[in-house]
Amino acid sequence: MFKINSRKLTQQEAILLVENIKLITEITGYSLKEWLTFEDVLIAEDKEENMLGVCLAYDFSSNWSFISILFVLEKFRGKGIGQQLFKEACRKILS
C-alpha cells in the first residue's frame, strides 16, 4: 500500500534518489542541489512515509506541460507505483 503526496524532497530522499538514478547509465538526472530546490514533487510513499518513487511534472503555460522524471526505486518496481505517479502527474497537469 502506498500514497502519493506533492511536496519538497528531504535531503535524505534527494540523496537516495540521485544515487539510484546514477546507477542507470541510460538516463541522466538532476543534481542534488536541483532536487532540493523543487517545491512540488509527486512522491509515492509507504505507510511509514518512506519514498518509493517520484515524478516531476512541469507546467510552462496552459498549453505546454511535461513530465521531466518518473522514477521508482528498483526494489519497488512492478507494483503499479510508476503508473499511479504518471496518472497523478496527468491529473495535476490537466487541472
N, C-alpha and C. Protein backbone atom coordinates (compact mmCIF):
# COMPACT_ATOMS: atom_id res chain seq x y z
N MET A 1 0.84 -1.18 0.00
CA MET A 1 0.00 0.00 0.00
C MET A 1 0.89 1.24 0.00
N PHE A 2 0.52 2.22 -0.80
CA PHE A 2 1.28 3.46 -0.87
C PHE A 2 0.34 4.62 -1.15
N LYS A 3 0.83 5.80 -0.87
CA LYS A 3 0.08 7.02 -1.16
C LYS A 3 0.99 7.97 -1.94
N ILE A 4 0.39 8.93 -2.61
CA ILE A 4 1.16 9.91 -3.35
C ILE A 4 0.90 11.29 -2.76
N ASN A 5 1.98 11.96 -2.41
CA ASN A 5 1.91 13.32 -1.87
C ASN A 5 2.69 14.26 -2.78
N SER A 6 2.33 15.51 -2.76
CA SER A 6 3.05 16.53 -3.50
C SER A 6 3.75 17.42 -2.49
N ARG A 7 5.07 17.39 -2.50
CA ARG A 7 5.84 18.15 -1.52
C ARG A 7 7.30 18.25 -1.96
N LYS A 8 8.07 18.90 -1.15
CA LYS A 8 9.51 19.03 -1.36
C LYS A 8 10.19 17.76 -0.83
N LEU A 9 11.25 17.33 -1.51
CA LEU A 9 12.04 16.19 -1.03
C LEU A 9 12.86 16.60 0.19
N THR A 10 13.06 15.67 1.10
CA THR A 10 14.02 15.89 2.18
C THR A 10 15.42 15.70 1.61
N GLN A 11 16.42 16.16 2.30
CA GLN A 11 17.79 15.98 1.82
C GLN A 11 18.13 14.50 1.70
N GLN A 12 17.72 13.71 2.67
CA GLN A 12 17.99 12.26 2.63
C GLN A 12 17.32 11.61 1.42
N GLU A 13 16.09 12.00 1.12
CA GLU A 13 15.38 11.46 -0.04
C GLU A 13 16.08 11.87 -1.33
N ALA A 14 16.49 13.12 -1.41
CA ALA A 14 17.17 13.61 -2.62
C ALA A 14 18.49 12.87 -2.84
N ILE A 15 19.23 12.64 -1.77
CA ILE A 15 20.49 11.90 -1.88
C ILE A 15 20.23 10.49 -2.39
N LEU A 16 19.24 9.81 -1.81
CA LEU A 16 18.89 8.45 -2.23
C LEU A 16 18.48 8.43 -3.70
N LEU A 17 17.71 9.41 -4.11
CA LEU A 17 17.25 9.48 -5.50
C LEU A 17 18.41 9.68 -6.46
N VAL A 18 19.28 10.64 -6.17
CA VAL A 18 20.43 10.91 -7.04
C VAL A 18 21.33 9.69 -7.13
N GLU A 19 21.59 9.04 -6.02
CA GLU A 19 22.45 7.84 -6.02
C GLU A 19 21.85 6.74 -6.88
N ASN A 20 20.54 6.54 -6.80
CA ASN A 20 19.89 5.48 -7.57
C ASN A 20 19.79 5.81 -9.05
N ILE A 21 19.55 7.06 -9.39
CA ILE A 21 19.49 7.44 -10.80
C ILE A 21 20.86 7.27 -11.45
N LYS A 22 21.93 7.55 -10.72
CA LYS A 22 23.28 7.40 -11.25
C LYS A 22 23.60 5.95 -11.63
N LEU A 23 22.91 4.99 -11.03
CA LEU A 23 23.15 3.58 -11.32
C LEU A 23 22.65 3.17 -12.70
N ILE A 24 21.80 3.98 -13.29
CA ILE A 24 21.23 3.68 -14.60
C ILE A 24 21.92 4.57 -15.62
N THR A 25 22.80 3.98 -16.41
CA THR A 25 23.62 4.77 -17.33
C THR A 25 22.84 5.33 -18.51
N GLU A 26 21.66 4.78 -18.78
CA GLU A 26 20.87 5.23 -19.93
C GLU A 26 20.13 6.55 -19.68
N ILE A 27 20.08 7.00 -18.42
CA ILE A 27 19.37 8.24 -18.13
C ILE A 27 20.28 9.18 -17.35
N THR A 28 19.93 10.42 -17.39
CA THR A 28 20.60 11.41 -16.56
C THR A 28 19.55 12.00 -15.63
N GLY A 29 20.01 12.59 -14.59
CA GLY A 29 19.07 13.17 -13.65
C GLY A 29 19.54 14.53 -13.20
N TYR A 30 18.76 15.11 -12.37
CA TYR A 30 19.12 16.40 -11.80
C TYR A 30 20.15 16.20 -10.70
N SER A 31 20.85 17.26 -10.39
CA SER A 31 21.84 17.22 -9.30
C SER A 31 21.11 17.26 -7.96
N LEU A 32 21.83 16.94 -6.91
CA LEU A 32 21.28 17.01 -5.57
C LEU A 32 20.77 18.42 -5.28
N LYS A 33 21.56 19.41 -5.64
CA LYS A 33 21.18 20.81 -5.41
C LYS A 33 19.86 21.13 -6.13
N GLU A 34 19.72 20.66 -7.37
CA GLU A 34 18.49 20.92 -8.11
C GLU A 34 17.28 20.23 -7.46
N TRP A 35 17.44 18.96 -7.08
CA TRP A 35 16.33 18.25 -6.44
C TRP A 35 15.87 18.97 -5.18
N LEU A 36 16.79 19.53 -4.45
CA LEU A 36 16.44 20.20 -3.20
C LEU A 36 15.72 21.54 -3.42
N THR A 37 15.75 22.06 -4.64
CA THR A 37 15.06 23.32 -4.91
C THR A 37 13.61 23.11 -5.38
N PHE A 38 13.28 21.93 -5.87
CA PHE A 38 11.93 21.68 -6.38
C PHE A 38 10.93 21.65 -5.22
N GLU A 39 9.91 22.47 -5.33
CA GLU A 39 8.91 22.60 -4.26
C GLU A 39 7.77 21.59 -4.37
N ASP A 40 7.50 21.13 -5.58
CA ASP A 40 6.27 20.37 -5.84
C ASP A 40 6.60 19.06 -6.56
N VAL A 41 7.14 18.09 -5.83
CA VAL A 41 7.48 16.79 -6.39
C VAL A 41 6.41 15.79 -5.97
N LEU A 42 5.92 15.00 -6.91
CA LEU A 42 5.00 13.93 -6.55
C LEU A 42 5.82 12.78 -5.99
N ILE A 43 5.51 12.37 -4.78
CA ILE A 43 6.30 11.36 -4.09
C ILE A 43 5.38 10.22 -3.66
N ALA A 44 5.70 9.00 -4.11
CA ALA A 44 4.99 7.81 -3.65
C ALA A 44 5.66 7.37 -2.35
N GLU A 45 4.83 7.19 -1.32
CA GLU A 45 5.35 6.84 0.00
C GLU A 45 4.60 5.64 0.57
N ASP A 46 5.32 4.84 1.37
CA ASP A 46 4.65 3.75 2.07
C ASP A 46 4.02 4.27 3.36
N LYS A 47 3.50 3.38 4.19
CA LYS A 47 2.82 3.79 5.42
C LYS A 47 3.73 4.55 6.38
N GLU A 48 5.02 4.23 6.33
CA GLU A 48 5.99 4.90 7.20
C GLU A 48 6.57 6.16 6.57
N GLU A 49 6.01 6.58 5.45
CA GLU A 49 6.42 7.77 4.70
C GLU A 49 7.82 7.64 4.10
N ASN A 50 8.23 6.41 3.79
CA ASN A 50 9.47 6.17 3.06
C ASN A 50 9.21 6.37 1.57
N MET A 51 10.11 7.06 0.89
CA MET A 51 9.97 7.33 -0.54
C MET A 51 10.13 6.03 -1.33
N LEU A 52 9.19 5.78 -2.23
CA LEU A 52 9.24 4.62 -3.11
C LEU A 52 9.55 5.03 -4.54
N GLY A 53 9.12 6.23 -4.92
CA GLY A 53 9.32 6.74 -6.25
C GLY A 53 8.90 8.19 -6.32
N VAL A 54 9.28 8.84 -7.43
CA VAL A 54 8.97 10.26 -7.59
C VAL A 54 8.58 10.56 -9.04
N CYS A 55 7.89 11.66 -9.20
CA CYS A 55 7.57 12.17 -10.52
C CYS A 55 7.64 13.70 -10.46
N LEU A 56 8.34 14.25 -11.42
CA LEU A 56 8.49 15.71 -11.50
C LEU A 56 7.82 16.16 -12.79
N ALA A 57 6.73 16.90 -12.65
CA ALA A 57 5.97 17.39 -13.80
C ALA A 57 5.99 18.91 -13.79
N TYR A 58 6.12 19.48 -14.97
CA TYR A 58 6.18 20.93 -15.12
C TYR A 58 5.00 21.46 -15.92
N ASP A 59 4.51 22.60 -15.53
CA ASP A 59 3.52 23.36 -16.29
C ASP A 59 4.19 24.65 -16.74
N PHE A 60 4.45 24.78 -18.03
CA PHE A 60 5.06 26.01 -18.53
C PHE A 60 4.02 27.06 -18.86
N SER A 61 2.90 26.61 -19.36
CA SER A 61 1.79 27.50 -19.69
C SER A 61 0.54 26.65 -19.76
N SER A 62 -0.57 27.26 -20.11
CA SER A 62 -1.81 26.49 -20.19
C SER A 62 -1.78 25.45 -21.32
N ASN A 63 -0.88 25.60 -22.26
CA ASN A 63 -0.81 24.67 -23.39
C ASN A 63 0.48 23.87 -23.45
N TRP A 64 1.30 23.94 -22.42
CA TRP A 64 2.59 23.26 -22.50
C TRP A 64 3.00 22.73 -21.14
N SER A 65 2.98 21.42 -21.01
CA SER A 65 3.38 20.74 -19.78
C SER A 65 4.18 19.51 -20.16
N PHE A 66 5.03 19.06 -19.25
CA PHE A 66 5.72 17.80 -19.50
C PHE A 66 6.16 17.15 -18.20
N ILE A 67 6.36 15.85 -18.29
CA ILE A 67 6.88 15.09 -17.16
C ILE A 67 8.38 14.98 -17.37
N SER A 68 9.12 15.54 -16.46
CA SER A 68 10.57 15.58 -16.57
C SER A 68 11.20 14.26 -16.14
N ILE A 69 10.77 13.75 -15.00
CA ILE A 69 11.31 12.49 -14.48
C ILE A 69 10.19 11.72 -13.81
N LEU A 70 10.18 10.42 -14.06
CA LEU A 70 9.35 9.49 -13.33
C LEU A 70 10.29 8.35 -12.96
N PHE A 71 10.51 8.15 -11.67
CA PHE A 71 11.50 7.17 -11.24
C PHE A 71 10.98 6.43 -10.01
N VAL A 72 11.04 5.10 -10.07
CA VAL A 72 10.68 4.24 -8.94
C VAL A 72 11.93 3.48 -8.52
N LEU A 73 12.19 3.47 -7.22
CA LEU A 73 13.34 2.72 -6.72
C LEU A 73 13.19 1.26 -7.11
N GLU A 74 14.29 0.64 -7.50
CA GLU A 74 14.26 -0.69 -8.11
C GLU A 74 13.49 -1.72 -7.29
N LYS A 75 13.67 -1.75 -6.00
CA LYS A 75 13.02 -2.80 -5.20
C LYS A 75 11.51 -2.63 -5.09
N PHE A 76 10.98 -1.49 -5.57
CA PHE A 76 9.54 -1.26 -5.52
C PHE A 76 8.88 -1.30 -6.90
N ARG A 77 9.64 -1.64 -7.91
CA ARG A 77 9.09 -1.69 -9.27
C ARG A 77 8.16 -2.89 -9.44
N GLY A 78 7.23 -2.77 -10.38
CA GLY A 78 6.30 -3.85 -10.67
C GLY A 78 5.10 -3.89 -9.73
N LYS A 79 4.89 -2.83 -8.97
CA LYS A 79 3.79 -2.76 -8.02
C LYS A 79 2.76 -1.69 -8.39
N GLY A 80 2.90 -1.10 -9.58
CA GLY A 80 1.95 -0.08 -10.02
C GLY A 80 2.26 1.33 -9.54
N ILE A 81 3.40 1.50 -8.89
CA ILE A 81 3.75 2.82 -8.35
C ILE A 81 4.01 3.82 -9.47
N GLY A 82 4.78 3.43 -10.46
CA GLY A 82 5.07 4.32 -11.59
C GLY A 82 3.79 4.70 -12.33
N GLN A 83 2.92 3.74 -12.52
CA GLN A 83 1.64 4.00 -13.20
C GLN A 83 0.81 5.02 -12.42
N GLN A 84 0.76 4.88 -11.11
CA GLN A 84 -0.01 5.82 -10.29
C GLN A 84 0.63 7.20 -10.28
N LEU A 85 1.96 7.25 -10.24
CA LEU A 85 2.65 8.54 -10.31
C LEU A 85 2.34 9.23 -11.63
N PHE A 86 2.35 8.46 -12.72
CA PHE A 86 2.05 9.02 -14.04
C PHE A 86 0.62 9.56 -14.09
N LYS A 87 -0.32 8.77 -13.59
CA LYS A 87 -1.72 9.22 -13.57
C LYS A 87 -1.90 10.48 -12.75
N GLU A 88 -1.25 10.54 -11.60
CA GLU A 88 -1.36 11.72 -10.75
C GLU A 88 -0.73 12.94 -11.43
N ALA A 89 0.39 12.74 -12.12
CA ALA A 89 1.02 13.84 -12.86
C ALA A 89 0.10 14.34 -13.95
N CYS A 90 -0.57 13.44 -14.66
CA CYS A 90 -1.51 13.84 -15.70
C CYS A 90 -2.68 14.60 -15.11
N ARG A 91 -3.22 14.13 -13.98
CA ARG A 91 -4.31 14.85 -13.31
C ARG A 91 -3.86 16.26 -12.92
N LYS A 92 -2.64 16.35 -12.40
CA LYS A 92 -2.10 17.65 -11.98
C LYS A 92 -1.96 18.59 -13.17
N ILE A 93 -1.43 18.07 -14.27
CA ILE A 93 -1.22 18.87 -15.48
C ILE A 93 -2.56 19.34 -16.05
N LEU A 94 -3.55 18.48 -16.03
CA LEU A 94 -4.85 18.80 -16.65
C LEU A 94 -5.75 19.64 -15.76
N SER A 95 -5.41 19.79 -14.49
CA SER A 95 -6.28 20.56 -13.59
C SER A 95 -6.05 22.05 -13.70
